[in-house]
């Protein structure tokens, strides 16, 4: 699985942790920035990643900002993206099993590095259950069409 990852200035430290996790787990990834501590605009990082995931260039994407909110809002504007804002392990599993999310967003000012690593690992390793959930996800795709 190929992963696209990005953060704004508020998520750089957690992004480094997740990049380290991806390397440990043997995932192929591309880091789309940012690498600065000065204020940047989160859509400049979320939208390119979401566009590449939606185009099928990457199977999944991970975004980190201060709260995760801005990144998830921006990513979800891209047709075909189902980006979940997650700050706990239960939701990380559920959003893959029930919603077949293809993007994950987290907030560095909300959770610590250890929990972020746990969330990302669970989200990456959990499969979509399909079944009754496929019909629900299908309704979202139909609406987008």
C-alpha atoms as a PDB file:
ATOM      1  CA  UNK A   1       0.000   0.000   0.000  1.00  0.00           C
ATOM      2  CA  UNK A   2       1.302   3.428  -0.995  1.00  0.00           C
ATOM      3  CA  UNK A   3       0.581   6.276   1.434  1.00  0.00           C
ATOM      4  CA  UNK A   4       0.593  10.055   0.881  1.00  0.00           C
ATOM      5  CA  UNK A   5       1.243  12.127   3.999  1.00  0.00           C
ATOM      6  CA  UNK A   6       1.297  15.853   4.754  1.00  0.00           C
ATOM      7  CA  UNK A   7       1.000  18.326   7.576  1.00  0.00           C
ATOM      8  CA  UNK A   8       0.876  22.017   8.091  1.00  0.00           C
ATOM      9  CA  UNK A   9       3.129  23.799  10.606  1.00  0.00           C
ATOM     10  CA  UNK A  10       0.886  22.650  13.472  1.00  0.00           C
ATOM     11  CA  UNK A  11       1.314  18.964  12.691  1.00  0.00           C
ATOM     12  CA  UNK A  12       4.974  18.563  11.775  1.00  0.00           C
ATOM     13  CA  UNK A  13       6.055  16.691  14.913  1.00  0.00           C
ATOM     14  CA  UNK A  14       3.305  14.074  14.681  1.00  0.00           C
ATOM     15  CA  UNK A  15       3.962  13.755  10.943  1.00  0.00           C
ATOM     16  CA  UNK A  16       7.571  12.835  11.700  1.00  0.00           C
ATOM     17  CA  UNK A  17       6.321  10.137  14.087  1.00  0.00           C
ATOM     18  CA  UNK A  18       3.932   8.741  11.479  1.00  0.00           C
ATOM     19  CA  UNK A  19       6.639   8.769   8.796  1.00  0.00           C
ATOM     20  CA  UNK A  20       8.822   6.773  11.196  1.00  0.00           C
ATOM     21  CA  UNK A  21       5.935   4.331  11.734  1.00  0.00           C
ATOM     22  CA  UNK A  22       5.407   3.933   7.987  1.00  0.00           C
ATOM     23  CA  UNK A  23       9.088   3.119   7.578  1.00  0.00           C
ATOM     24  CA  UNK A  24       9.004   0.620  10.464  1.00  0.00           C
ATOM     25  CA  UNK A  25       5.962  -1.124   8.980  1.00  0.00           C
ATOM     26  CA  UNK A  26       7.458  -1.154   5.478  1.00  0.00           C
ATOM     27  CA  UNK A  27       4.902   1.061   3.757  1.00  0.00           C
ATOM     28  CA  UNK A  28       5.855   3.009   0.674  1.00  0.00           C
ATOM     29  CA  UNK A  29       5.038   6.676   1.196  1.00  0.00           C
ATOM     30  CA  UNK A  30       5.552  10.169  -0.126  1.00  0.00           C
ATOM     31  CA  UNK A  31       5.804  13.194   2.158  1.00  0.00           C
ATOM     32  CA  UNK A  32       4.106  16.267   0.698  1.00  0.00           C
ATOM     33  CA  UNK A  33       5.343  18.667   3.414  1.00  0.00           C
ATOM     34  CA  UNK A  34       5.398  20.988   5.169  1.00  0.00           C
ATOM     35  CA  UNK A  35       8.865  21.292   6.640  1.00  0.00           C
ATOM     36  CA  UNK A  36       8.633  24.708   8.275  1.00  0.00           C
ATOM     37  CA  UNK A  37       7.562  26.106  11.611  1.00  0.00           C
ATOM     38  CA  UNK A  38       6.172  29.322  10.147  1.00  0.00           C
ATOM     39  CA  UNK A  39       2.459  29.515   9.550  1.00  0.00           C
ATOM     40  CA  UNK A  40       1.223  27.938   6.309  1.00  0.00           C
ATOM     41  CA  UNK A  41      -2.246  27.338   4.886  1.00  0.00           C
ATOM     42  CA  UNK A  42      -3.486  23.770   5.458  1.00  0.00           C
ATOM     43  CA  UNK A  43      -5.435  23.555   2.152  1.00  0.00           C
ATOM     44  CA  UNK A  44      -2.115  23.931   0.303  1.00  0.00           C
ATOM     45  CA  UNK A  45      -1.117  20.550   1.756  1.00  0.00           C
ATOM     46  CA  UNK A  46      -4.441  18.739   2.203  1.00  0.00           C
ATOM     47  CA  UNK A  47      -5.795  19.303  -1.301  1.00  0.00           C
ATOM     48  CA  UNK A  48      -2.812  17.947  -3.271  1.00  0.00           C
ATOM     49  CA  UNK A  49      -2.723  14.809  -1.118  1.00  0.00           C
ATOM     50  CA  UNK A  50      -6.482  14.290  -1.410  1.00  0.00           C
ATOM     51  CA  UNK A  51      -6.344  14.828  -5.174  1.00  0.00           C
ATOM     52  CA  UNK A  52      -3.631  12.190  -5.554  1.00  0.00           C
ATOM     53  CA  UNK A  53      -5.509   9.697  -3.371  1.00  0.00           C
ATOM     54  CA  UNK A  54      -8.733  10.314  -5.316  1.00  0.00           C
ATOM     55  CA  UNK A  55      -6.844   9.798  -8.603  1.00  0.00           C
ATOM     56  CA  UNK A  56      -5.568   6.431  -7.376  1.00  0.00           C
ATOM     57  CA  UNK A  57      -1.902   7.440  -7.268  1.00  0.00           C
ATOM     58  CA  UNK A  58      -1.921   6.511  -3.559  1.00  0.00           C
ATOM     59  CA  UNK A  59      -4.187   4.028  -1.794  1.00  0.00           C
ATOM     60  CA  UNK A  60      -4.485   6.158   1.342  1.00  0.00           C
ATOM     61  CA  UNK A  61      -3.540   9.537   2.756  1.00  0.00           C
ATOM     62  CA  UNK A  62      -2.707  10.835   6.221  1.00  0.00           C
ATOM     63  CA  UNK A  63      -2.980  14.509   7.197  1.00  0.00           C
ATOM     64  CA  UNK A  64      -1.960  16.260  10.404  1.00  0.00           C
ATOM     65  CA  UNK A  65      -2.580  19.833  11.514  1.00  0.00           C
ATOM     66  CA  UNK A  66      -3.136  21.463  14.891  1.00  0.00           C
ATOM     67  CA  UNK A  67      -6.620  20.025  15.399  1.00  0.00           C
ATOM     68  CA  UNK A  68      -7.062  17.869  12.296  1.00  0.00           C
ATOM     69  CA  UNK A  69     -10.266  19.746  11.534  1.00  0.00           C
ATOM     70  CA  UNK A  70      -9.057  22.035   8.751  1.00  0.00           C
ATOM     71  CA  UNK A  71      -7.212  19.251   6.962  1.00  0.00           C
ATOM     72  CA  UNK A  72     -10.228  16.933   7.073  1.00  0.00           C
ATOM     73  CA  UNK A  73     -12.598  19.645   5.822  1.00  0.00           C
ATOM     74  CA  UNK A  74     -10.296  20.484   2.912  1.00  0.00           C
ATOM     75  CA  UNK A  75      -9.685  16.840   1.973  1.00  0.00           C
ATOM     76  CA  UNK A  76     -13.392  16.019   1.998  1.00  0.00           C
ATOM     77  CA  UNK A  77     -14.026  18.662  -0.671  1.00  0.00           C
ATOM     78  CA  UNK A  78     -12.272  16.368  -3.176  1.00  0.00           C
ATOM     79  CA  UNK A  79     -14.640  13.965  -4.940  1.00  0.00           C
ATOM     80  CA  UNK A  80     -13.954  10.381  -3.917  1.00  0.00           C
ATOM     81  CA  UNK A  81     -12.349  11.216  -0.598  1.00  0.00           C
ATOM     82  CA  UNK A  82     -13.665   9.923   2.688  1.00  0.00           C
ATOM     83  CA  UNK A  83     -11.390  11.551   5.271  1.00  0.00           C
ATOM     84  CA  UNK A  84     -12.047  10.868   8.944  1.00  0.00           C
ATOM     85  CA  UNK A  85     -10.870  13.060  11.792  1.00  0.00           C
ATOM     86  CA  UNK A  86      -9.753  10.559  14.432  1.00  0.00           C
ATOM     87  CA  UNK A  87      -8.395  11.012  17.947  1.00  0.00           C
ATOM     88  CA  UNK A  88      -9.023   7.556  19.455  1.00  0.00           C
ATOM     89  CA  UNK A  89      -8.293   3.947  18.536  1.00  0.00           C
ATOM     90  CA  UNK A  90     -11.933   2.807  18.490  1.00  0.00           C
ATOM     91  CA  UNK A  91     -12.803   5.378  15.820  1.00  0.00           C
ATOM     92  CA  UNK A  92      -9.668   4.493  13.834  1.00  0.00           C
ATOM     93  CA  UNK A  93     -10.881   0.901  13.535  1.00  0.00           C
ATOM     94  CA  UNK A  94     -14.549   1.794  12.998  1.00  0.00           C
ATOM     95  CA  UNK A  95     -13.888   4.343  10.256  1.00  0.00           C
ATOM     96  CA  UNK A  96     -12.067   1.689   8.213  1.00  0.00           C
ATOM     97  CA  UNK A  97     -14.484  -1.165   8.978  1.00  0.00           C
ATOM     98  CA  UNK A  98     -17.690   0.832   8.475  1.00  0.00           C
ATOM     99  CA  UNK A  99     -16.818   3.831   6.278  1.00  0.00           C
ATOM    100  CA  UNK A 100     -13.966   2.528   4.111  1.00  0.00           C
ATOM    101  CA  UNK A 101     -12.105   5.795   4.691  1.00  0.00           C
ATOM    102  CA  UNK A 102      -9.207   6.457   2.371  1.00  0.00           C
ATOM    103  CA  UNK A 103      -7.803   9.367   4.365  1.00  0.00           C
ATOM    104  CA  UNK A 104      -7.054   9.950   8.030  1.00  0.00           C
ATOM    105  CA  UNK A 105      -6.699  13.308   9.746  1.00  0.00           C
ATOM    106  CA  UNK A 106      -5.313  13.929  13.238  1.00  0.00           C
ATOM    107  CA  UNK A 107      -4.557  16.949  15.415  1.00  0.00           C
ATOM    108  CA  UNK A 108      -1.149  17.375  17.021  1.00  0.00           C
ATOM    109  CA  UNK A 109      -2.515  19.810  19.603  1.00  0.00           C
ATOM    110  CA  UNK A 110      -5.176  17.258  20.565  1.00  0.00           C
ATOM    111  CA  UNK A 111      -3.270  13.971  20.878  1.00  0.00           C
ATOM    112  CA  UNK A 112       0.287  12.895  21.602  1.00  0.00           C
ATOM    113  CA  UNK A 113       2.733  11.050  19.408  1.00  0.00           C
ATOM    114  CA  UNK A 114       2.162   7.615  20.980  1.00  0.00           C
ATOM    115  CA  UNK A 115      -1.591   7.713  20.471  1.00  0.00           C
ATOM    116  CA  UNK A 116      -1.168   9.093  16.946  1.00  0.00           C
ATOM    117  CA  UNK A 117       1.080   6.128  16.089  1.00  0.00           C
ATOM    118  CA  UNK A 118      -1.473   3.681  17.527  1.00  0.00           C
ATOM    119  CA  UNK A 119      -4.308   5.316  15.583  1.00  0.00           C
ATOM    120  CA  UNK A 120      -2.377   5.304  12.309  1.00  0.00           C
ATOM    121  CA  UNK A 121      -1.296   1.665  12.716  1.00  0.00           C
ATOM    122  CA  UNK A 122      -4.848   0.494  13.443  1.00  0.00           C
ATOM    123  CA  UNK A 123      -6.235   2.565  10.569  1.00  0.00           C
ATOM    124  CA  UNK A 124      -3.643   1.208   8.135  1.00  0.00           C
ATOM    125  CA  UNK A 125      -4.146  -2.424   9.169  1.00  0.00           C
ATOM    126  CA  UNK A 126      -7.951  -2.515   9.377  1.00  0.00           C
ATOM    127  CA  UNK A 127      -9.969  -3.744   6.396  1.00  0.00           C
ATOM    128  CA  UNK A 128     -13.379  -2.547   5.242  1.00  0.00           C
ATOM    129  CA  UNK A 129     -16.099  -4.984   6.373  1.00  0.00           C
ATOM    130  CA  UNK A 130     -18.331  -4.420   3.359  1.00  0.00           C
ATOM    131  CA  UNK A 131     -21.784  -5.986   3.731  1.00  0.00           C
ATOM    132  CA  UNK A 132     -24.381  -3.566   5.042  1.00  0.00           C
ATOM    133  CA  UNK A 133     -21.683  -0.884   5.219  1.00  0.00           C
ATOM    134  CA  UNK A 134     -20.998  -1.111   1.471  1.00  0.00           C
ATOM    135  CA  UNK A 135     -24.536   0.057   0.735  1.00  0.00           C
ATOM    136  CA  UNK A 136     -24.040   3.115   2.940  1.00  0.00           C
ATOM    137  CA  UNK A 137     -20.690   4.034   1.429  1.00  0.00           C
ATOM    138  CA  UNK A 138     -22.255   3.468  -1.994  1.00  0.00           C
ATOM    139  CA  UNK A 139     -24.905   6.072  -1.261  1.00  0.00           C
ATOM    140  CA  UNK A 140     -22.152   8.634  -0.669  1.00  0.00           C
ATOM    141  CA  UNK A 141     -20.441   7.697  -3.933  1.00  0.00           C
ATOM    142  CA  UNK A 142     -23.759   7.880  -5.790  1.00  0.00           C
ATOM    143  CA  UNK A 143     -24.382  11.359  -4.383  1.00  0.00           C
ATOM    144  CA  UNK A 144     -20.949  12.511  -5.536  1.00  0.00           C
ATOM    145  CA  UNK A 145     -21.640  11.232  -9.047  1.00  0.00           C
END
